[in-house]
C-alpha atoms as a PDB file:
ATOM      1  CA  MET A   1      16.170   6.019   8.378  1.00  0.00           C
ATOM      2  CA  ALA A   2      18.128   8.009  10.897  1.00  0.00           C
ATOM      3  CA  LEU A   3      16.733  11.380  11.905  1.00  0.00           C
ATOM      4  CA  ASP A   4      19.835  13.519  12.078  1.00  0.00           C
ATOM      5  CA  PHE A   5      19.354  17.280  12.241  1.00  0.00           C
ATOM      6  CA  LYS A   6      22.311  19.573  11.732  1.00  0.00           C
ATOM      7  CA  ARG A   7      22.249  22.632  13.953  1.00  0.00           C
ATOM      8  CA  SER A   8      22.942  24.847  10.949  1.00  0.00           C
ATOM      9  CA  ASP A   9      19.837  23.431   9.205  1.00  0.00           C
ATOM     10  CA  ILE A  10      17.374  24.098  11.997  1.00  0.00           C
ATOM     11  CA  GLY A  11      18.820  27.170  13.656  1.00  0.00           C
ATOM     12  CA  LEU A  12      19.714  25.678  17.052  1.00  0.00           C
ATOM     13  CA  PRO A  13      22.406  27.345  19.114  1.00  0.00           C
ATOM     14  CA  PRO A  14      25.745  25.538  19.550  1.00  0.00           C
ATOM     15  CA  GLY A  15      25.785  22.981  22.342  1.00  0.00           C
ATOM     16  CA  SER A  16      22.031  22.328  22.300  1.00  0.00           C
ATOM     17  CA  ALA A  17      20.839  18.732  22.255  1.00  0.00           C
ATOM     18  CA  VAL A  18      19.454  17.320  19.033  1.00  0.00           C
ATOM     19  CA  TYR A  19      17.417  14.177  18.602  1.00  0.00           C
ATOM     20  CA  VAL A  20      19.133  11.448  16.621  1.00  0.00           C
ATOM     21  CA  GLY A  21      16.892   8.446  16.043  1.00  0.00           C
ATOM     22  CA  ASP A  22      19.592   5.970  15.009  1.00  0.00           C
ATOM     23  CA  ARG A  23      18.650   3.048  17.213  1.00  0.00           C
ATOM     24  CA  HIS A  24      17.725  -0.565  16.908  1.00  0.00           C
ATOM     25  CA  PRO A  25      13.992  -0.858  16.069  1.00  0.00           C
ATOM     26  CA  GLU A  26      13.357  -2.832  19.257  1.00  0.00           C
ATOM     27  CA  GLU A  27      14.965  -0.208  21.535  1.00  0.00           C
ATOM     28  CA  ILE A  28      13.093   2.755  22.891  1.00  0.00           C
ATOM     29  CA  ALA A  29      14.145   6.202  21.671  1.00  0.00           C
ATOM     30  CA  ILE A  30      12.689   9.326  23.234  1.00  0.00           C
ATOM     31  CA  SER A  31      12.799  12.887  21.918  1.00  0.00           C
ATOM     32  CA  ILE A  32      11.109  16.038  23.095  1.00  0.00           C
ATOM     33  CA  ILE A  33      10.548  19.364  21.351  1.00  0.00           C
ATOM     34  CA  GLY A  34       9.203  22.445  23.078  1.00  0.00           C
ATOM     35  CA  TYR A  35       8.085  25.623  21.391  1.00  0.00           C
ATOM     36  CA  ASP A  36       5.989  28.740  21.555  1.00  0.00           C
ATOM     37  CA  PRO A  37       5.607  31.680  19.147  1.00  0.00           C
ATOM     38  CA  VAL A  38       8.895  33.124  20.400  1.00  0.00           C
ATOM     39  CA  GLY A  39      11.317  30.192  20.451  1.00  0.00           C
ATOM     40  CA  SER A  40      11.872  26.430  20.344  1.00  0.00           C
ATOM     41  CA  TRP A  41      14.267  23.740  21.530  1.00  0.00           C
ATOM     42  CA  ALA A  42      14.876  20.037  21.063  1.00  0.00           C
ATOM     43  CA  LYS A  43      16.194  17.417  23.454  1.00  0.00           C
ATOM     44  CA  SER A  44      16.717  13.686  23.552  1.00  0.00           C
ATOM     45  CA  ALA A  45      16.403  11.451  26.598  1.00  0.00           C
ATOM     46  CA  GLU A  46      17.409   7.959  27.656  1.00  0.00           C
ATOM     47  CA  THR A  47      14.687   7.531  30.279  1.00  0.00           C
ATOM     48  CA  ILE A  48      11.223   8.887  30.946  1.00  0.00           C
ATOM     49  CA  ASP A  49      12.352  10.584  34.169  1.00  0.00           C
ATOM     50  CA  GLU A  50      15.082  12.388  32.240  1.00  0.00           C
ATOM     51  CA  LEU A  51      12.541  13.449  29.649  1.00  0.00           C
ATOM     52  CA  LEU A  52      10.184  14.846  32.283  1.00  0.00           C
ATOM     53  CA  GLN A  53      12.849  17.359  33.321  1.00  0.00           C
ATOM     54  CA  TYR A  54      12.497  19.038  29.922  1.00  0.00           C
ATOM     55  CA  ARG A  55       8.748  19.526  29.931  1.00  0.00           C
ATOM     56  CA  ASN A  56       7.674  22.902  28.566  1.00  0.00           C
ATOM     57  CA  THR A  57       5.319  24.529  31.054  1.00  0.00           C
ATOM     58  CA  SER A  58       4.734  27.761  29.149  1.00  0.00           C
ATOM     59  CA  GLY A  59       4.290  26.521  25.570  1.00  0.00           C
ATOM     60  CA  ILE A  60       3.648  23.371  23.547  1.00  0.00           C
ATOM     61  CA  THR A  61       5.506  20.127  24.195  1.00  0.00           C
ATOM     62  CA  TRP A  62       5.892  17.324  21.664  1.00  0.00           C
ATOM     63  CA  ILE A  63       7.145  14.020  23.039  1.00  0.00           C
ATOM     64  CA  ASN A  64       7.997  11.296  20.555  1.00  0.00           C
ATOM     65  CA  VAL A  65       8.558   7.679  21.628  1.00  0.00           C
ATOM     66  CA  ASN A  66      10.026   5.167  19.181  1.00  0.00           C
ATOM     67  CA  GLY A  67       9.840   1.471  20.072  1.00  0.00           C
ATOM     68  CA  PHE A  68       7.443  -0.432  22.331  1.00  0.00           C
ATOM     69  CA  ARG A  69       9.725  -3.071  23.834  1.00  0.00           C
ATOM     70  CA  GLU A  70      10.196  -1.192  27.123  1.00  0.00           C
ATOM     71  CA  SER A  71       6.569  -1.185  28.225  1.00  0.00           C
ATOM     72  CA  ASP A  72       7.598  -0.132  31.741  1.00  0.00           C
ATOM     73  CA  ALA A  73       8.875   3.167  30.372  1.00  0.00           C
ATOM     74  CA  ILE A  74       5.618   3.700  28.492  1.00  0.00           C
ATOM     75  CA  SER A  75       3.673   2.862  31.659  1.00  0.00           C
ATOM     76  CA  ARG A  76       5.702   5.463  33.530  1.00  0.00           C
ATOM     77  CA  LEU A  77       4.848   8.061  30.892  1.00  0.00           C
ATOM     78  CA  ALA A  78       1.203   7.010  31.081  1.00  0.00           C
ATOM     79  CA  GLU A  79       1.244   7.474  34.815  1.00  0.00           C
ATOM     80  CA  VAL A  80       2.543  11.039  34.555  1.00  0.00           C
ATOM     81  CA  TYR A  81       0.079  12.081  31.836  1.00  0.00           C
ATOM     82  CA  LYS A  82      -2.855  10.069  33.219  1.00  0.00           C
ATOM     83  CA  ILE A  83      -3.185   7.867  30.140  1.00  0.00           C
ATOM     84  CA  HIS A  84      -5.782   5.132  30.607  1.00  0.00           C
ATOM     85  CA  PRO A  85      -4.575   1.472  30.660  1.00  0.00           C
ATOM     86  CA  LEU A  86      -6.912   0.690  27.725  1.00  0.00           C
ATOM     87  CA  THR A  87      -5.135   3.355  25.692  1.00  0.00           C
ATOM     88  CA  ILE A  88      -1.786   1.769  26.538  1.00  0.00           C
ATOM     89  CA  GLU A  89      -3.151  -1.556  25.289  1.00  0.00           C
ATOM     90  CA  ASP A  90      -4.175   0.096  22.018  1.00  0.00           C
ATOM     91  CA  ILE A  91      -0.734   1.692  21.686  1.00  0.00           C
ATOM     92  CA  LEU A  92       1.088  -1.592  22.239  1.00  0.00           C
ATOM     93  CA  ASN A  93      -1.294  -3.519  19.962  1.00  0.00           C
ATOM     94  CA  THR A  94       0.219  -2.587  16.598  1.00  0.00           C
ATOM     95  CA  GLU A  95      -2.505  -4.488  14.700  1.00  0.00           C
ATOM     96  CA  HIS A  96      -5.210  -2.159  15.984  1.00  0.00           C
ATOM     97  CA  ARG A  97      -7.354  -0.396  13.385  1.00  0.00           C
ATOM     98  CA  PRO A  98      -7.264   3.439  13.208  1.00  0.00           C
ATOM     99  CA  LYS A  99      -9.645   5.110  15.632  1.00  0.00           C
ATOM    100  CA  VAL A 100     -10.325   8.187  17.781  1.00  0.00           C
ATOM    101  CA  GLU A 101     -11.287   8.145  21.463  1.00  0.00           C
ATOM    102  CA  GLU A 102     -11.792  11.011  23.897  1.00  0.00           C
ATOM    103  CA  PHE A 103     -10.957  10.652  27.575  1.00  0.00           C
ATOM    104  CA  ASP A 104     -11.215  13.115  30.428  1.00  0.00           C
ATOM    105  CA  ASP A 105      -7.558  14.148  30.247  1.00  0.00           C
ATOM    106  CA  TYR A 106      -6.685  13.662  26.600  1.00  0.00           C
ATOM    107  CA  LEU A 107      -7.757  12.781  23.084  1.00  0.00           C
ATOM    108  CA  PHE A 108      -6.368   9.531  21.654  1.00  0.00           C
ATOM    109  CA  ILE A 109      -5.818   9.037  17.905  1.00  0.00           C
ATOM    110  CA  THR A 110      -4.239   6.049  16.218  1.00  0.00           C
ATOM    111  CA  LEU A 111      -3.545   5.614  12.505  1.00  0.00           C
ATOM    112  CA  LYS A 112      -1.295   3.663  10.153  1.00  0.00           C
ATOM    113  CA  GLU A 113       1.722   5.044   8.354  1.00  0.00           C
ATOM    114  CA  ILE A 114       2.506   3.359   5.019  1.00  0.00           C
ATOM    115  CA  SER A 115       5.953   3.413   3.464  1.00  0.00           C
ATOM    116  CA  ASN A 116       7.138   1.816   0.268  1.00  0.00           C
ATOM    117  CA  PRO A 117      10.841   0.852   0.451  1.00  0.00           C
ATOM    118  CA  GLU A 118      12.395   0.271  -2.942  1.00  0.00           C
ATOM    119  CA  ASP A 119      12.036  -3.327  -4.162  1.00  0.00           C
ATOM    120  CA  SER A 120      10.238  -4.257  -0.902  1.00  0.00           C
ATOM    121  CA  PRO A 121       6.640  -4.828   0.187  1.00  0.00           C
ATOM    122  CA  PHE A 122       4.724  -2.075   1.957  1.00  0.00           C
ATOM    123  CA  VAL A 123       5.733  -1.338   5.529  1.00  0.00           C
ATOM    124  CA  PHE A 124       2.914  -0.461   7.918  1.00  0.00           C
ATOM    125  CA  ASP A 125       3.779   1.340  11.173  1.00  0.00           C
ATOM    126  CA  GLN A 126       1.245   2.266  13.785  1.00  0.00           C
ATOM    127  CA  ILE A 127       1.273   5.910  14.880  1.00  0.00           C
ATOM    128  CA  SER A 128      -0.514   6.677  18.148  1.00  0.00           C
ATOM    129  CA  ILE A 129      -1.153  10.280  19.198  1.00  0.00           C
ATOM    130  CA  VAL A 130      -2.135  11.440  22.670  1.00  0.00           C
ATOM    131  CA  LEU A 131      -3.344  15.050  22.627  1.00  0.00           C
ATOM    132  CA  THR A 132      -3.720  17.140  25.777  1.00  0.00           C
ATOM    133  CA  ALA A 133      -4.220  20.868  26.198  1.00  0.00           C
ATOM    134  CA  ASN A 134      -0.553  21.745  25.617  1.00  0.00           C
ATOM    135  CA  THR A 135       1.187  18.417  24.974  1.00  0.00           C
ATOM    136  CA  VAL A 136       1.289  15.960  22.088  1.00  0.00           C
ATOM    137  CA  ILE A 137       2.749  12.495  22.685  1.00  0.00           C
ATOM    138  CA  THR A 138       3.417  10.286  19.670  1.00  0.00           C
ATOM    139  CA  PHE A 139       4.207   6.583  19.845  1.00  0.00           C
ATOM    140  CA  GLN A 140       5.788   4.768  16.906  1.00  0.00           C
ATOM    141  CA  GLU A 141       6.766   1.164  16.340  1.00  0.00           C
ATOM    142  CA  THR A 142      10.218   1.927  14.944  1.00  0.00           C
ATOM    143  CA  ALA A 143      12.538   4.858  14.450  1.00  0.00           C
ATOM    144  CA  GLY A 144      12.201   6.702  11.177  1.00  0.00           C
ATOM    145  CA  ASP A 145       9.024   8.498  10.166  1.00  0.00           C
ATOM    146  CA  SER A 146       7.505  11.174   7.966  1.00  0.00           C
ATOM    147  CA  PHE A 147       7.729  13.881  10.655  1.00  0.00           C
ATOM    148  CA  ASP A 148      11.119  15.352   9.701  1.00  0.00           C
ATOM    149  CA  GLY A 149       9.518  18.278   7.906  1.00  0.00           C
ATOM    150  CA  ILE A 150       7.382  19.129  10.931  1.00  0.00           C
ATOM    151  CA  ARG A 151      10.414  19.105  13.227  1.00  0.00           C
ATOM    152  CA  LYS A 152      12.287  21.441  10.907  1.00  0.00           C
ATOM    153  CA  ARG A 153       9.304  23.784  10.594  1.00  0.00           C
ATOM    154  CA  ILE A 154       8.993  23.983  14.373  1.00  0.00           C
ATOM    155  CA  LEU A 155      12.683  24.558  15.031  1.00  0.00           C
ATOM    156  CA  SER A 156      13.080  26.983  12.105  1.00  0.00           C
ATOM    157  CA  ASN A 157       9.741  28.742  12.769  1.00  0.00           C
ATOM    158  CA  LEU A 158       8.349  28.023   9.318  1.00  0.00           C
ATOM    159  CA  GLY A 159       4.659  27.733   8.524  1.00  0.00           C
ATOM    160  CA  ARG A 160       1.785  27.893  11.009  1.00  0.00           C
ATOM    161  CA  VAL A 161       2.697  25.214  13.512  1.00  0.00           C
ATOM    162  CA  ARG A 162       4.266  27.527  16.127  1.00  0.00           C
ATOM    163  CA  LYS A 163       1.418  30.006  15.813  1.00  0.00           C
ATOM    164  CA  TYR A 164      -1.261  27.508  16.832  1.00  0.00           C
ATOM    165  CA  GLY A 165      -1.811  25.114  19.697  1.00  0.00           C
ATOM    166  CA  ALA A 166      -1.149  21.441  20.327  1.00  0.00           C
ATOM    167  CA  ASP A 167      -4.208  20.440  18.296  1.00  0.00           C
ATOM    168  CA  TYR A 168      -2.648  21.937  15.157  1.00  0.00           C
ATOM    169  CA  LEU A 169       0.523  19.936  15.801  1.00  0.00           C
ATOM    170  CA  ALA A 170      -1.562  16.749  16.051  1.00  0.00           C
ATOM    171  CA  TYR A 171      -3.287  17.704  12.791  1.00  0.00           C
ATOM    172  CA  SER A 172       0.091  18.319  11.129  1.00  0.00           C
ATOM    173  CA  LEU A 173       1.311  14.888  12.189  1.00  0.00           C
ATOM    174  CA  MET A 174      -1.789  13.236  10.757  1.00  0.00           C
ATOM    175  CA  ASP A 175      -1.519  15.300   7.569  1.00  0.00           C
ATOM    176  CA  SER A 176       2.088  14.186   7.144  1.00  0.00           C
ATOM    177  CA  VAL A 177       1.038  10.533   7.393  1.00  0.00           C
ATOM    178  CA  VAL A 178      -1.770  11.050   4.856  1.00  0.00           C
ATOM    179  CA  ASP A 179       0.600  12.824   2.451  1.00  0.00           C
ATOM    180  CA  ARG A 180       2.742   9.697   2.429  1.00  0.00           C
ATOM    181  CA  TYR A 181      -0.341   7.690   1.393  1.00  0.00           C
ATOM    182  CA  PHE A 182      -0.336   9.530  -1.928  1.00  0.00           C
ATOM    183  CA  LEU A 183       3.350   8.802  -2.508  1.00  0.00           C
ATOM    184  CA  VAL A 184       2.649   5.117  -1.990  1.00  0.00           C
ATOM    185  CA  LEU A 185      -0.460   5.232  -4.189  1.00  0.00           C
ATOM    186  CA  ASP A 186       1.463   7.005  -6.963  1.00  0.00           C
ATOM    187  CA  SER A 187       3.972   4.156  -6.907  1.00  0.00           C
ATOM    188  CA  LEU A 188       1.118   1.666  -7.045  1.00  0.00           C
ATOM    189  CA  GLY A 189      -0.433   3.526  -9.963  1.00  0.00           C
ATOM    190  CA  ALA A 190       2.793   3.185 -11.959  1.00  0.00           C
ATOM    191  CA  THR A 191       2.878  -0.528 -11.126  1.00  0.00           C
ATOM    192  CA  ILE A 192      -0.711  -0.986 -12.298  1.00  0.00           C
ATOM    193  CA  GLU A 193       0.043   0.808 -15.577  1.00  0.00           C
ATOM    194  CA  ASP A 194       2.890  -1.651 -16.079  1.00  0.00           C
ATOM    195  CA  PHE A 195       0.463  -4.523 -15.459  1.00  0.00           C
ATOM    196  CA  GLU A 196      -1.802  -3.196 -18.213  1.00  0.00           C
ATOM    197  CA  GLU A 197       1.055  -3.618 -20.682  1.00  0.00           C
ATOM    198  CA  ARG A 198       1.974  -7.042 -19.322  1.00  0.00           C
ATOM    199  CA  ALA A 199      -1.584  -8.373 -19.320  1.00  0.00           C
ATOM    200  CA  VAL A 200      -1.471  -9.660 -22.920  1.00  0.00           C
ATOM    201  CA  ASP A 201       2.117 -10.934 -22.846  1.00  0.00           C
ATOM    202  CA  ALA A 202       1.897 -14.693 -23.143  1.00  0.00           C
ATOM    203  CA  LYS A 203       5.551 -15.161 -22.117  1.00  0.00           C
ATOM    204  CA  ASP A 204       5.230 -13.295 -18.805  1.00  0.00           C
ATOM    205  CA  VAL A 205       5.057 -16.260 -16.420  1.00  0.00           C
ATOM    206  CA  ALA A 206       5.379 -14.041 -13.304  1.00  0.00           C
ATOM    207  CA  PHE A 207       2.382 -11.879 -14.182  1.00  0.00           C
ATOM    208  CA  ILE A 208      -0.209 -13.639 -12.013  1.00  0.00           C
ATOM    209  CA  SER A 209       1.999 -13.833  -8.916  1.00  0.00           C
ATOM    210  CA  ASP A 210       3.061 -10.169  -9.233  1.00  0.00           C
ATOM    211  CA  LEU A 211      -0.526  -9.042  -9.755  1.00  0.00           C
ATOM    212  CA  GLN A 212      -1.687 -11.051  -6.756  1.00  0.00           C
ATOM    213  CA  GLU A 213       1.034  -9.488  -4.607  1.00  0.00           C
ATOM    214  CA  THR A 214      -0.035  -6.000  -5.663  1.00  0.00           C
ATOM    215  CA  LYS A 215      -3.658  -6.862  -4.941  1.00  0.00           C
ATOM    216  CA  GLN A 216      -2.611  -7.952  -1.450  1.00  0.00           C
ATOM    217  CA  ARG A 217      -0.799  -4.645  -0.943  1.00  0.00           C
ATOM    218  CA  LEU A 218      -3.933  -2.764  -1.916  1.00  0.00           C
ATOM    219  CA  HIS A 219      -5.964  -4.846   0.519  1.00  0.00           C
ATOM    220  CA  HIS A 220      -3.651  -3.881   3.392  1.00  0.00           C
ATOM    221  CA  ALA A 221      -3.607  -0.235   2.274  1.00  0.00           C
ATOM    222  CA  ARG A 222      -7.404  -0.233   2.256  1.00  0.00           C
ATOM    223  CA  ARG A 223      -7.479  -1.563   5.824  1.00  0.00           C
ATOM    224  CA  ALA A 224      -5.191   1.298   6.867  1.00  0.00           C
ATOM    225  CA  ILE A 225      -6.906   4.138   4.998  1.00  0.00           C
ATOM    226  CA  TRP A 226     -10.643   3.459   5.123  1.00  0.00           C
ATOM    227  CA  PRO A 227     -11.069   3.482   8.935  1.00  0.00           C
ATOM    228  CA  LEU A 228      -9.294   6.853   9.050  1.00  0.00           C
ATOM    229  CA  ARG A 229     -12.263   8.381   7.219  1.00  0.00           C
ATOM    230  CA  GLU A 230     -14.479   7.401  10.131  1.00  0.00           C
ATOM    231  CA  SER A 231     -11.914   8.697  12.650  1.00  0.00           C
ATOM    232  CA  LEU A 232     -11.824  12.124  11.014  1.00  0.00           C
ATOM    233  CA  SER A 233     -15.617  12.229  10.886  1.00  0.00           C
ATOM    234  CA  ILE A 234     -15.634  11.613  14.637  1.00  0.00           C
ATOM    235  CA  LEU A 235     -13.088  14.399  15.167  1.00  0.00           C
ATOM    236  CA  LEU A 236     -15.243  16.817  13.165  1.00  0.00           C
ATOM    237  CA  ARG A 237     -18.425  15.861  15.026  1.00  0.00           C
ATOM    238  CA  THR A 238     -16.890  15.761  18.487  1.00  0.00           C
ATOM    239  CA  GLU A 239     -17.023  18.996  20.452  1.00  0.00           C
ATOM    240  CA  SER A 240     -13.791  18.214  22.226  1.00  0.00           C
ATOM    241  CA  VAL A 241     -12.066  20.713  24.484  1.00  0.00           C
ATOM    242  CA  TYR A 242      -8.794  19.602  22.894  1.00  0.00           C
ATOM    243  CA  ILE A 243      -9.827  20.622  19.356  1.00  0.00           C
ATOM    244  CA  ASN A 244     -10.145  24.340  18.630  1.00  0.00           C
ATOM    245  CA  GLU A 245     -12.807  25.512  16.167  1.00  0.00           C
ATOM    246  CA  ILE A 246     -10.020  27.110  14.123  1.00  0.00           C
ATOM    247  CA  LEU A 247      -8.871  23.592  13.249  1.00  0.00           C
ATOM    248  CA  THR A 248     -12.175  22.600  11.601  1.00  0.00           C
ATOM    249  CA  PRO A 249     -11.275  23.721   8.030  1.00  0.00           C
ATOM    250  CA  PHE A 250      -7.941  21.902   8.287  1.00  0.00           C
ATOM    251  CA  LEU A 251      -9.602  18.704   9.479  1.00  0.00           C
ATOM    252  CA  LYS A 252     -12.163  18.922   6.666  1.00  0.00           C
ATOM    253  CA  ASP A 253      -9.351  19.296   4.150  1.00  0.00           C
ATOM    254  CA  LEU A 254      -7.564  16.334   5.715  1.00  0.00           C
ATOM    255  CA  GLN A 255     -10.776  14.300   5.536  1.00  0.00           C
ATOM    256  CA  ASP A 256     -11.115  15.175   1.840  1.00  0.00           C
ATOM    257  CA  ASN A 257      -7.568  13.943   1.260  1.00  0.00           C
ATOM    258  CA  VAL A 258      -8.274  10.689   3.067  1.00  0.00           C
ATOM    259  CA  ILE A 259     -11.481  10.203   1.055  1.00  0.00           C
ATOM    260  CA  GLN A 260      -9.504  10.825  -2.139  1.00  0.00           C
ATOM    261  CA  ALA A 261      -6.871   8.283  -1.059  1.00  0.00           C
ATOM    262  CA  ALA A 262      -9.576   5.748  -0.191  1.00  0.00           C
ATOM    263  CA  GLU A 263     -11.300   6.250  -3.539  1.00  0.00           C
ATOM    264  CA  THR A 264      -7.951   5.878  -5.296  1.00  0.00           C
ATOM    265  CA  VAL A 265      -7.447   2.553  -3.546  1.00  0.00           C
ATOM    266  CA  GLU A 266     -10.874   1.414  -4.708  1.00  0.00           C
ATOM    267  CA  SER A 267     -10.213   2.506  -8.289  1.00  0.00           C
ATOM    268  CA  TYR A 268      -6.918   0.611  -8.232  1.00  0.00           C
ATOM    269  CA  ARG A 269      -8.681  -2.482  -6.929  1.00  0.00           C
ATOM    270  CA  GLU A 270     -11.185  -2.247  -9.780  1.00  0.00           C
ATOM    271  CA  ALA A 271      -8.343  -1.673 -12.249  1.00  0.00           C
ATOM    272  CA  ILE A 272      -6.571  -4.799 -11.038  1.00  0.00           C
ATOM    273  CA  SER A 273      -9.776  -6.804 -11.417  1.00  0.00           C
ATOM    274  CA  GLY A 274     -10.135  -5.452 -14.955  1.00  0.00           C
ATOM    275  CA  ILE A 275      -6.503  -6.276 -15.751  1.00  0.00           C
ATOM    276  CA  MET A 276      -7.021  -9.801 -14.471  1.00  0.00           C
ATOM    277  CA  GLU A 277     -10.077 -10.170 -16.728  1.00  0.00           C
ATOM    278  CA  VAL A 278      -8.081  -8.887 -19.711  1.00  0.00           C
ATOM    279  CA  HIS A 279      -5.282 -11.345 -18.961  1.00  0.00           C
ATOM    280  CA  LEU A 280      -7.677 -14.274 -18.612  1.00  0.00           C
ATOM    281  CA  SER A 281      -9.510 -13.198 -21.778  1.00  0.00           C
ATOM    282  CA  ALA A 282      -6.224 -12.995 -23.695  1.00  0.00           C
ATOM    283  CA  ALA A 283      -5.202 -16.415 -22.390  1.00  0.00           C
ATOM    284  CA  SER A 284      -8.619 -17.800 -23.364  1.00  0.00           C
ATOM    285  CA  ASN A 285      -8.297 -16.303 -26.857  1.00  0.00           C
ATOM    286  CA  ARG A 286      -4.872 -17.854 -27.276  1.00  0.00           C
ATOM    287  CA  LEU A 287      -6.245 -21.203 -26.143  1.00  0.00           C
ATOM    288  CA  ASN A 288      -9.196 -20.885 -28.535  1.00  0.00           C
ATOM    289  CA  LYS A 289      -6.833 -20.213 -31.445  1.00  0.00           C
ATOM    290  CA  VAL A 290      -4.764 -23.264 -30.576  1.00  0.00           C
ATOM    291  CA  MET A 291      -7.869 -25.395 -30.230  1.00  0.00           C
ATOM    292  CA  LYS A 292      -9.195 -24.106 -33.571  1.00  0.00           C
ATOM    293  CA  VAL A 293      -5.988 -25.048 -35.361  1.00  0.00           C
ATOM    294  CA  LEU A 294      -5.936 -28.464 -33.729  1.00  0.00           C
ATOM    295  CA  THR A 295      -9.618 -29.002 -34.582  1.00  0.00           C
ATOM    296  CA  ILE A 296      -9.053 -28.064 -38.243  1.00  0.00           C
ATOM    297  CA  ILE A 297      -6.074 -30.390 -38.465  1.00  0.00           C
ATOM    298  CA  SER A 298      -8.103 -33.195 -36.894  1.00  0.00           C
ATOM    299  CA  THR A 299     -11.015 -32.519 -39.277  1.00  0.00           C
ATOM    300  CA  ILE A 300      -8.720 -32.670 -42.311  1.00  0.00           C
ATOM    301  CA  PHE A 301      -7.336 -36.012 -41.195  1.00  0.00           C
ATOM    302  CA  ILE A 302     -10.748 -37.615 -40.604  1.00  0.00           C
ATOM    303  CA  PRO A 303     -11.406 -38.516 -44.306  1.00  0.00           C
ATOM    304  CA  LEU A 304      -7.729 -39.306 -44.849  1.00  0.00           C
ATOM    305  CA  THR A 305      -7.772 -41.665 -41.913  1.00  0.00           C
ATOM    306  CA  PHE A 306     -10.935 -43.272 -43.311  1.00  0.00           C
ATOM    307  CA  ILE A 307      -9.269 -43.945 -46.689  1.00  0.00           C
ATOM    308  CA  VAL A 308      -6.138 -45.317 -45.054  1.00  0.00           C
ATOM    309  CA  GLY A 309      -8.280 -47.454 -42.763  1.00  0.00           C
ATOM    310  CA  VAL A 310     -10.234 -48.927 -45.684  1.00  0.00           C
ATOM    311  CA  TYR A 311      -7.106 -49.898 -47.580  1.00  0.00           C
ATOM    312  CA  GLY A 312      -5.507 -51.188 -44.454  1.00  0.00           C
ATOM    313  CA  MET A 313      -8.080 -53.985 -43.994  1.00  0.00           C
ATOM    314  CA  ASN A 314      -5.923 -56.393 -46.067  1.00  0.00           C
ATOM    315  CA  PHE A 315      -8.791 -58.296 -47.706  1.00  0.00           C
ATOM    316  CA  THR A 316      -7.584 -60.641 -50.437  1.00  0.00           C
ATOM    317  CA  HIS A 317     -10.142 -59.613 -53.057  1.00  0.00           C
ATOM    318  CA  MET A 318      -9.871 -55.805 -53.185  1.00  0.00           C
ATOM    319  CA  PRO A 319      -9.787 -54.641 -56.841  1.00  0.00           C
ATOM    320  CA  GLU A 320      -7.569 -51.627 -56.271  1.00  0.00           C
ATOM    321  CA  LEU A 321      -4.827 -53.640 -54.539  1.00  0.00           C
ATOM    322  CA  ASN A 322      -3.584 -55.120 -57.819  1.00  0.00           C
ATOM    323  CA  SER A 323      -3.662 -51.847 -59.744  1.00  0.00           C
ATOM    324  CA  VAL A 324      -0.268 -50.526 -60.846  1.00  0.00           C
ATOM    325  CA  TYR A 325      -1.364 -46.935 -60.231  1.00  0.00           C
ATOM    326  CA  GLY A 326      -3.454 -47.617 -57.119  1.00  0.00           C
ATOM    327  CA  TYR A 327      -0.948 -46.211 -54.629  1.00  0.00           C
ATOM    328  CA  PRO A 328      -0.329 -42.852 -56.356  1.00  0.00           C
ATOM    329  CA  ILE A 329      -4.042 -42.529 -57.127  1.00  0.00           C
ATOM    330  CA  VAL A 330      -4.928 -42.908 -53.457  1.00  0.00           C
ATOM    331  CA  TRP A 331      -2.282 -40.340 -52.529  1.00  0.00           C
ATOM    332  CA  GLY A 332      -3.644 -37.943 -55.116  1.00  0.00           C
ATOM    333  CA  ILE A 333      -7.179 -38.365 -53.812  1.00  0.00           C
ATOM    334  CA  MET A 334      -6.067 -37.702 -50.206  1.00  0.00           C
ATOM    335  CA  ILE A 335      -4.109 -34.603 -51.213  1.00  0.00           C
ATOM    336  CA  LEU A 336      -7.073 -33.273 -53.191  1.00  0.00           C
ATOM    337  CA  ILE A 337      -9.391 -33.894 -50.245  1.00  0.00           C
ATOM    338  CA  ALA A 338      -6.993 -32.070 -47.846  1.00  0.00           C
ATOM    339  CA  LEU A 339      -6.576 -29.119 -50.206  1.00  0.00           C
ATOM    340  CA  GLY A 340     -10.295 -28.956 -50.822  1.00  0.00           C
ATOM    341  CA  MET A 341     -11.049 -28.863 -47.105  1.00  0.00           C
ATOM    342  CA  ILE A 342      -8.442 -26.153 -46.499  1.00  0.00           C
ATOM    343  CA  ALA A 343      -9.995 -24.077 -49.311  1.00  0.00           C
ATOM    344  CA  PHE A 344     -13.436 -24.608 -47.784  1.00  0.00           C
ATOM    345  CA  PHE A 345     -12.245 -23.499 -44.314  1.00  0.00           C
ATOM    346  CA  LYS A 346     -10.666 -20.366 -45.779  1.00  0.00           C
ATOM    347  CA  SER A 347     -13.845 -19.515 -47.664  1.00  0.00           C
ATOM    348  CA  ARG A 348     -15.683 -19.577 -44.326  1.00  0.00           C
ATOM    349  CA  ASP A 349     -12.904 -17.518 -42.623  1.00  0.00           C
ATOM    350  CA  TRP A 350     -12.148 -20.379 -40.274  1.00  0.00           C
ATOM    351  CA  LEU A 351      -8.468 -20.153 -41.117  1.00  0.00           C
END
């Protein structure tokens, strides 16, 4: 998804630079936004040194880095902002679980963004946030994110973001990621409702594989969402110089949203287990019905097979063999036996 802002949409003056994130996922793309209660601006940069020329010394600066292939550029940025080498390792390790760490010069937050492209599996992107007193640096795996609304609010002076500090911007970024969790979970909820209807369809051969795929998606979503609960608890307990007390109600609300998302994931996991049980129970019932019919048929044929076996012994001196009406009599007896057994089974509600 390209991030293309029109100047008329965000209120930038003609000739100002605008970030356009239309790059190959493996390339590095750098944007910077500066703002204060009075004004704002946006720039894009090809190199870290070019970006550093635009730093906002009097207000809040938001630096966004897309792509991790050029680790030298990230190291250069880390050098300028005194980011610890262990933090750089966590940023570059996209399989890292969400967490919060406080260092002398910054607060480090990492979390997972979940997107749900149409007709595609979930896409998980790691978002890393470095928060200093007046700067927020975000690192993303690929271009395209859920931060468009925040950019527009900053550049159009909408909402609270320009009235508060860098910590509120970091909160807004996290809140935007969590909001996308609910979009993904809503899509999953619709899928699970569809599974409930498919559970008893005997002709749906793809049911098990589709259900297993959805269960795997939920497993990955759980790994992304649950650790964030712990991270927010740490943020609320930590008396960090980078988190203003004014932010506490917002963080509590964000924690409630994450807890709700986590509980939704758990309820969906339980629902899938229940759907699987219903499907297996329906399959077992269908098998039992088939086995009952086959058993009844076999039971009916037991006495018939006995009669046929007796008269198939071909002994010379069998009195009935010479009877003119022996053959139709035997057939009549077998038919009466079969009909009698069917009537007996129906009287017992076995048929």
